[in-house]
């Protein structure tokens, strides 16, 4: 392993140890470098800040491992991701509590957007709202996973993904059926109004009120 990768690995292990004990926002760069006997210059040579370090950890430990699996079922991929978060829930629960620019929460949303955008291409490639759909689902998944982890991950990854799947398919299907019923009812009312006015005009014609 090149020296650069060894340095990054040492910094990432130090960050993991610190995040197992302290909230991420309380951890300083000097705490990280002190734990692995490095100086601040070494840290900033490899990372912009502590958030960049956490994002790199996620990228190297998870994202690189699924790049050859993007054509698999999205539910299978989501379950694999949730299993990863579940196994490392203390670390990522801590990371997901932080909001704002460069945060892991923001980075995770970007990763999800890229994955979902790729997977939806076959279905929505000619749809001008393709990017909106990817953004919507990326935000929804990030919020759902964050809540699941911060609530203690009481559901197993399989159970959690099962509920997400239900929400995304069965609930959406029921809402679609309700919308179709509403549209049908609205059409029926419009037809009744047309029949009513048409009938009134016929009566007027018969009585000679209109030509």
C-alpha atoms as a PDB file:
ATOM      1  CA  UNK A   1       0.000   0.000   0.000  1.00  0.00           C
ATOM      2  CA  UNK A   2       1.442   3.445  -0.966  1.00  0.00           C
ATOM      3  CA  UNK A   3       2.490   5.767   1.853  1.00  0.00           C
ATOM      4  CA  UNK A   4      -0.352   8.143   1.002  1.00  0.00           C
ATOM      5  CA  UNK A   5      -2.935   5.395   1.498  1.00  0.00           C
ATOM      6  CA  UNK A   6      -1.271   4.290   4.740  1.00  0.00           C
ATOM      7  CA  UNK A   7      -1.500   7.849   6.045  1.00  0.00           C
ATOM      8  CA  UNK A   8      -5.160   8.145   5.083  1.00  0.00           C
ATOM      9  CA  UNK A   9      -5.879   4.786   6.679  1.00  0.00           C
ATOM     10  CA  UNK A  10      -4.184   5.822   9.929  1.00  0.00           C
ATOM     11  CA  UNK A  11      -6.162   9.075  10.020  1.00  0.00           C
ATOM     12  CA  UNK A  12      -9.411   7.244   9.323  1.00  0.00           C
ATOM     13  CA  UNK A  13      -8.794   4.739  12.130  1.00  0.00           C
ATOM     14  CA  UNK A  14      -8.072   7.609  14.514  1.00  0.00           C
ATOM     15  CA  UNK A  15     -11.296   9.328  13.459  1.00  0.00           C
ATOM     16  CA  UNK A  16     -13.288   6.144  14.031  1.00  0.00           C
ATOM     17  CA  UNK A  17     -11.902   5.775  17.548  1.00  0.00           C
ATOM     18  CA  UNK A  18     -12.700   9.376  18.396  1.00  0.00           C
ATOM     19  CA  UNK A  19     -16.218   9.172  16.983  1.00  0.00           C
ATOM     20  CA  UNK A  20     -16.919   6.125  19.124  1.00  0.00           C
ATOM     21  CA  UNK A  21     -16.418   8.370  22.172  1.00  0.00           C
ATOM     22  CA  UNK A  22     -17.287  11.932  21.184  1.00  0.00           C
ATOM     23  CA  UNK A  23     -19.842  13.785  19.037  1.00  0.00           C
ATOM     24  CA  UNK A  24     -18.341  14.555  15.648  1.00  0.00           C
ATOM     25  CA  UNK A  25     -18.763  18.318  16.029  1.00  0.00           C
ATOM     26  CA  UNK A  26     -16.600  18.231  19.171  1.00  0.00           C
ATOM     27  CA  UNK A  27     -13.660  16.510  17.462  1.00  0.00           C
ATOM     28  CA  UNK A  28     -10.810  18.762  16.326  1.00  0.00           C
ATOM     29  CA  UNK A  29      -8.094  18.116  13.758  1.00  0.00           C
ATOM     30  CA  UNK A  30      -5.454  18.177  16.482  1.00  0.00           C
ATOM     31  CA  UNK A  31      -7.310  15.352  18.272  1.00  0.00           C
ATOM     32  CA  UNK A  32      -7.134  13.212  15.143  1.00  0.00           C
ATOM     33  CA  UNK A  33      -3.465  13.884  14.388  1.00  0.00           C
ATOM     34  CA  UNK A  34      -2.427  13.443  18.006  1.00  0.00           C
ATOM     35  CA  UNK A  35      -4.004  10.009  18.184  1.00  0.00           C
ATOM     36  CA  UNK A  36      -2.001   8.743  15.198  1.00  0.00           C
ATOM     37  CA  UNK A  37       1.187  10.720  15.897  1.00  0.00           C
ATOM     38  CA  UNK A  38       0.964  13.026  12.891  1.00  0.00           C
ATOM     39  CA  UNK A  39       1.036  16.763  12.423  1.00  0.00           C
ATOM     40  CA  UNK A  40      -1.726  18.999  11.083  1.00  0.00           C
ATOM     41  CA  UNK A  41       0.182  19.526   7.852  1.00  0.00           C
ATOM     42  CA  UNK A  42      -0.024  15.799   7.103  1.00  0.00           C
ATOM     43  CA  UNK A  43      -3.761  15.876   7.663  1.00  0.00           C
ATOM     44  CA  UNK A  44      -4.406  18.855   5.398  1.00  0.00           C
ATOM     45  CA  UNK A  45      -2.210  17.383   2.708  1.00  0.00           C
ATOM     46  CA  UNK A  46      -4.750  14.572   2.337  1.00  0.00           C
ATOM     47  CA  UNK A  47      -8.074  16.029   3.500  1.00  0.00           C
ATOM     48  CA  UNK A  48      -9.815  19.412   3.457  1.00  0.00           C
ATOM     49  CA  UNK A  49     -11.370  18.919   6.886  1.00  0.00           C
ATOM     50  CA  UNK A  50     -12.772  16.246   9.203  1.00  0.00           C
ATOM     51  CA  UNK A  51     -15.939  15.999   7.097  1.00  0.00           C
ATOM     52  CA  UNK A  52     -13.868  15.204   4.036  1.00  0.00           C
ATOM     53  CA  UNK A  53     -12.192  12.439   6.036  1.00  0.00           C
ATOM     54  CA  UNK A  54     -15.530  10.877   7.025  1.00  0.00           C
ATOM     55  CA  UNK A  55     -16.736  11.081   3.424  1.00  0.00           C
ATOM     56  CA  UNK A  56     -13.546   9.348   2.283  1.00  0.00           C
ATOM     57  CA  UNK A  57     -14.129   6.564   4.812  1.00  0.00           C
ATOM     58  CA  UNK A  58     -17.612   5.942   3.395  1.00  0.00           C
ATOM     59  CA  UNK A  59     -16.353   6.098  -0.176  1.00  0.00           C
ATOM     60  CA  UNK A  60     -13.499   3.634   0.348  1.00  0.00           C
ATOM     61  CA  UNK A  61     -15.373   1.232   2.628  1.00  0.00           C
ATOM     62  CA  UNK A  62     -18.702   1.141   0.809  1.00  0.00           C
ATOM     63  CA  UNK A  63     -19.012   3.035  -2.474  1.00  0.00           C
ATOM     64  CA  UNK A  64     -15.996   1.427  -4.151  1.00  0.00           C
ATOM     65  CA  UNK A  65     -17.407  -1.984  -3.252  1.00  0.00           C
ATOM     66  CA  UNK A  66     -20.748  -1.486  -5.026  1.00  0.00           C
ATOM     67  CA  UNK A  67     -19.571   0.095  -8.262  1.00  0.00           C
ATOM     68  CA  UNK A  68     -19.845  -3.255 -10.022  1.00  0.00           C
ATOM     69  CA  UNK A  69     -23.293  -3.901  -8.519  1.00  0.00           C
ATOM     70  CA  UNK A  70     -25.199  -0.855  -9.773  1.00  0.00           C
ATOM     71  CA  UNK A  71     -27.171  -2.942 -12.269  1.00  0.00           C
ATOM     72  CA  UNK A  72     -28.591  -5.130  -9.506  1.00  0.00           C
ATOM     73  CA  UNK A  73     -32.089  -4.656  -8.100  1.00  0.00           C
ATOM     74  CA  UNK A  74     -32.337  -1.303  -6.331  1.00  0.00           C
ATOM     75  CA  UNK A  75     -33.917  -3.041  -3.340  1.00  0.00           C
ATOM     76  CA  UNK A  76     -31.034  -5.481  -3.150  1.00  0.00           C
ATOM     77  CA  UNK A  77     -28.581  -2.596  -3.335  1.00  0.00           C
ATOM     78  CA  UNK A  78     -30.463  -0.637  -0.668  1.00  0.00           C
ATOM     79  CA  UNK A  79     -30.455  -3.637   1.661  1.00  0.00           C
ATOM     80  CA  UNK A  80     -26.719  -4.045   1.153  1.00  0.00           C
ATOM     81  CA  UNK A  81     -26.235  -0.386   2.037  1.00  0.00           C
ATOM     82  CA  UNK A  82     -28.410  -0.682   5.142  1.00  0.00           C
ATOM     83  CA  UNK A  83     -26.476  -3.757   6.265  1.00  0.00           C
ATOM     84  CA  UNK A  84     -23.288  -1.690   6.008  1.00  0.00           C
ATOM     85  CA  UNK A  85     -24.812   1.128   8.059  1.00  0.00           C
ATOM     86  CA  UNK A  86     -26.170  -1.354  10.597  1.00  0.00           C
ATOM     87  CA  UNK A  87     -22.749  -2.933  11.110  1.00  0.00           C
ATOM     88  CA  UNK A  88     -21.216   0.522  11.555  1.00  0.00           C
ATOM     89  CA  UNK A  89     -24.217   2.217  13.146  1.00  0.00           C
ATOM     90  CA  UNK A  90     -22.373   3.963  15.994  1.00  0.00           C
ATOM     91  CA  UNK A  91     -20.036   5.710  13.554  1.00  0.00           C
ATOM     92  CA  UNK A  92     -22.660   6.695  10.978  1.00  0.00           C
ATOM     93  CA  UNK A  93     -25.282   7.693  13.543  1.00  0.00           C
ATOM     94  CA  UNK A  94     -22.708  10.161  14.813  1.00  0.00           C
ATOM     95  CA  UNK A  95     -21.842  11.350  11.300  1.00  0.00           C
ATOM     96  CA  UNK A  96     -25.467  11.794  10.205  1.00  0.00           C
ATOM     97  CA  UNK A  97     -26.267  14.065  13.141  1.00  0.00           C
ATOM     98  CA  UNK A  98     -24.176  16.781  11.522  1.00  0.00           C
ATOM     99  CA  UNK A  99     -25.911  18.977   8.935  1.00  0.00           C
ATOM    100  CA  UNK A 100     -24.688  21.602   6.540  1.00  0.00           C
ATOM    101  CA  UNK A 101     -22.129  22.119   3.811  1.00  0.00           C
ATOM    102  CA  UNK A 102     -19.536  19.350   3.366  1.00  0.00           C
ATOM    103  CA  UNK A 103     -21.267  17.208   6.008  1.00  0.00           C
ATOM    104  CA  UNK A 104     -21.582  13.454   5.560  1.00  0.00           C
ATOM    105  CA  UNK A 105     -25.347  13.894   5.331  1.00  0.00           C
ATOM    106  CA  UNK A 106     -24.892  16.107   2.279  1.00  0.00           C
ATOM    107  CA  UNK A 107     -22.296  13.789   0.745  1.00  0.00           C
ATOM    108  CA  UNK A 108     -24.471  10.711   1.317  1.00  0.00           C
ATOM    109  CA  UNK A 109     -27.367  12.434  -0.455  1.00  0.00           C
ATOM    110  CA  UNK A 110     -25.100  13.164  -3.435  1.00  0.00           C
ATOM    111  CA  UNK A 111     -24.002   9.519  -3.574  1.00  0.00           C
ATOM    112  CA  UNK A 112     -27.607   8.322  -3.421  1.00  0.00           C
ATOM    113  CA  UNK A 113     -28.617  10.787  -6.128  1.00  0.00           C
ATOM    114  CA  UNK A 114     -25.911   9.447  -8.453  1.00  0.00           C
ATOM    115  CA  UNK A 115     -26.918   5.830  -7.824  1.00  0.00           C
ATOM    116  CA  UNK A 116     -30.653   6.449  -8.233  1.00  0.00           C
ATOM    117  CA  UNK A 117     -30.140   8.669 -11.280  1.00  0.00           C
ATOM    118  CA  UNK A 118     -28.186   5.846 -12.922  1.00  0.00           C
ATOM    119  CA  UNK A 119     -30.772   3.203 -12.022  1.00  0.00           C
ATOM    120  CA  UNK A 120     -33.706   5.295 -13.260  1.00  0.00           C
ATOM    121  CA  UNK A 121     -32.149   6.026 -16.645  1.00  0.00           C
ATOM    122  CA  UNK A 122     -33.692   2.961 -18.251  1.00  0.00           C
ATOM    123  CA  UNK A 123     -37.173   4.025 -17.108  1.00  0.00           C
ATOM    124  CA  UNK A 124     -37.042   7.823 -17.304  1.00  0.00           C
ATOM    125  CA  UNK A 125     -34.206   8.565 -19.743  1.00  0.00           C
ATOM    126  CA  UNK A 126     -36.496  10.647 -21.982  1.00  0.00           C
ATOM    127  CA  UNK A 127     -38.355  12.277 -19.095  1.00  0.00           C
ATOM    128  CA  UNK A 128     -37.335  15.884 -18.444  1.00  0.00           C
ATOM    129  CA  UNK A 129     -38.111  15.349 -14.735  1.00  0.00           C
ATOM    130  CA  UNK A 130     -35.639  12.471 -14.409  1.00  0.00           C
ATOM    131  CA  UNK A 131     -33.283  14.482 -12.199  1.00  0.00           C
ATOM    132  CA  UNK A 132     -36.147  15.643  -9.971  1.00  0.00           C
ATOM    133  CA  UNK A 133     -37.200  12.043  -9.328  1.00  0.00           C
ATOM    134  CA  UNK A 134     -33.632  11.068  -8.411  1.00  0.00           C
ATOM    135  CA  UNK A 135     -33.335  14.027  -6.031  1.00  0.00           C
ATOM    136  CA  UNK A 136     -36.688  13.229  -4.423  1.00  0.00           C
ATOM    137  CA  UNK A 137     -35.823   9.595  -3.726  1.00  0.00           C
ATOM    138  CA  UNK A 138     -32.263  10.415  -2.621  1.00  0.00           C
ATOM    139  CA  UNK A 139     -33.608  12.863  -0.029  1.00  0.00           C
ATOM    140  CA  UNK A 140     -36.291  10.404   1.095  1.00  0.00           C
ATOM    141  CA  UNK A 141     -33.819   7.556   1.561  1.00  0.00           C
ATOM    142  CA  UNK A 142     -31.313   9.744   3.416  1.00  0.00           C
ATOM    143  CA  UNK A 143     -33.994  10.987   5.826  1.00  0.00           C
ATOM    144  CA  UNK A 144     -35.385   7.464   6.363  1.00  0.00           C
ATOM    145  CA  UNK A 145     -31.976   5.908   7.014  1.00  0.00           C
ATOM    146  CA  UNK A 146     -30.992   8.760   9.333  1.00  0.00           C
ATOM    147  CA  UNK A 147     -34.139   8.347  11.419  1.00  0.00           C
ATOM    148  CA  UNK A 148     -33.735   4.564  11.478  1.00  0.00           C
ATOM    149  CA  UNK A 149     -30.162   4.834  12.780  1.00  0.00           C
ATOM    150  CA  UNK A 150     -30.809   7.655  15.247  1.00  0.00           C
ATOM    151  CA  UNK A 151     -33.777   5.738  16.672  1.00  0.00           C
ATOM    152  CA  UNK A 152     -31.402   2.899  17.513  1.00  0.00           C
ATOM    153  CA  UNK A 153     -31.840   0.766  14.377  1.00  0.00           C
ATOM    154  CA  UNK A 154     -34.450  -1.383  16.142  1.00  0.00           C
ATOM    155  CA  UNK A 155     -35.484  -2.926  12.827  1.00  0.00           C
ATOM    156  CA  UNK A 156     -33.077  -5.224  11.016  1.00  0.00           C
ATOM    157  CA  UNK A 157     -31.847  -3.977   7.621  1.00  0.00           C
ATOM    158  CA  UNK A 158     -34.181  -6.467   5.912  1.00  0.00           C
ATOM    159  CA  UNK A 159     -37.194  -5.299   7.932  1.00  0.00           C
ATOM    160  CA  UNK A 160     -36.343  -1.656   7.362  1.00  0.00           C
ATOM    161  CA  UNK A 161     -35.932  -2.053   3.602  1.00  0.00           C
ATOM    162  CA  UNK A 162     -39.187  -4.029   3.541  1.00  0.00           C
ATOM    163  CA  UNK A 163     -41.031  -1.038   5.005  1.00  0.00           C
ATOM    164  CA  UNK A 164     -39.332   1.361   2.601  1.00  0.00           C
ATOM    165  CA  UNK A 165     -40.364  -0.886  -0.282  1.00  0.00           C
ATOM    166  CA  UNK A 166     -43.948  -0.947   0.972  1.00  0.00           C
ATOM    167  CA  UNK A 167     -43.996   2.835   1.229  1.00  0.00           C
ATOM    168  CA  UNK A 168     -42.540   3.247  -2.250  1.00  0.00           C
ATOM    169  CA  UNK A 169     -44.731   0.688  -4.002  1.00  0.00           C
ATOM    170  CA  UNK A 170     -47.914  -0.368  -2.196  1.00  0.00           C
ATOM    171  CA  UNK A 171     -48.686   3.002  -0.600  1.00  0.00           C
ATOM    172  CA  UNK A 172     -47.898   4.797  -3.861  1.00  0.00           C
ATOM    173  CA  UNK A 173     -50.157   2.335  -5.700  1.00  0.00           C
ATOM    174  CA  UNK A 174     -53.042   2.970  -3.286  1.00  0.00           C
ATOM    175  CA  UNK A 175     -52.596   6.725  -3.615  1.00  0.00           C
ATOM    176  CA  UNK A 176     -52.629   6.346  -7.395  1.00  0.00           C
ATOM    177  CA  UNK A 177     -55.868   4.360  -7.235  1.00  0.00           C
ATOM    178  CA  UNK A 178     -57.417   7.022  -4.983  1.00  0.00           C
ATOM    179  CA  UNK A 179     -56.371   9.689  -7.473  1.00  0.00           C
ATOM    180  CA  UNK A 180     -57.943   7.706 -10.304  1.00  0.00           C
ATOM    181  CA  UNK A 181     -61.185   7.442  -8.289  1.00  0.00           C
ATOM    182  CA  UNK A 182     -61.164  11.188  -7.624  1.00  0.00           C
ATOM    183  CA  UNK A 183     -60.600  11.917 -11.310  1.00  0.00           C
ATOM    184  CA  UNK A 184     -63.398   9.514 -12.245  1.00  0.00           C
ATOM    185  CA  UNK A 185     -65.759  11.145  -9.731  1.00  0.00           C
ATOM    186  CA  UNK A 186     -64.849  14.579 -11.058  1.00  0.00           C
ATOM    187  CA  UNK A 187     -65.500  13.430 -14.620  1.00  0.00           C
ATOM    188  CA  UNK A 188     -68.870  11.996 -13.586  1.00  0.00           C
ATOM    189  CA  UNK A 189     -69.847  15.291 -11.959  1.00  0.00           C
ATOM    190  CA  UNK A 190     -68.838  17.189 -15.081  1.00  0.00           C
ATOM    191  CA  UNK A 191     -70.891  14.809 -17.224  1.00  0.00           C
ATOM    192  CA  UNK A 192     -73.878  15.297 -14.904  1.00  0.00           C
ATOM    193  CA  UNK A 193     -73.547  19.068 -15.278  1.00  0.00           C
ATOM    194  CA  UNK A 194     -73.319  18.724 -19.061  1.00  0.00           C
ATOM    195  CA  UNK A 195     -76.405  16.501 -19.083  1.00  0.00           C
ATOM    196  CA  UNK A 196     -78.251  18.916 -16.825  1.00  0.00           C
ATOM    197  CA  UNK A 197     -77.542  21.971 -18.978  1.00  0.00           C
ATOM    198  CA  UNK A 198     -78.161  20.044 -22.171  1.00  0.00           C
ATOM    199  CA  UNK A 199     -81.475  18.813 -20.808  1.00  0.00           C
ATOM    200  CA  UNK A 200     -82.469  22.341 -19.817  1.00  0.00           C
ATOM    201  CA  UNK A 201     -81.727  23.615 -23.316  1.00  0.00           C
ATOM    202  CA  UNK A 202     -83.831  20.838 -24.854  1.00  0.00           C
ATOM    203  CA  UNK A 203     -86.749  21.842 -22.645  1.00  0.00           C
ATOM    204  CA  UNK A 204     -86.340  25.469 -23.718  1.00  0.00           C
ATOM    205  CA  UNK A 205     -86.280  24.508 -27.390  1.00  0.00           C
ATOM    206  CA  UNK A 206     -89.413  22.428 -26.970  1.00  0.00           C
ATOM    207  CA  UNK A 207     -91.198  25.287 -25.248  1.00  0.00           C
ATOM    208  CA  UNK A 208     -90.027  27.734 -27.905  1.00  0.00           C
ATOM    209  CA  UNK A 209     -87.996  29.868 -25.468  1.00  0.00           C
ATOM    210  CA  UNK A 210     -84.883  29.633 -27.667  1.00  0.00           C
ATOM    211  CA  UNK A 211     -84.486  29.193 -31.405  1.00  0.00           C
END
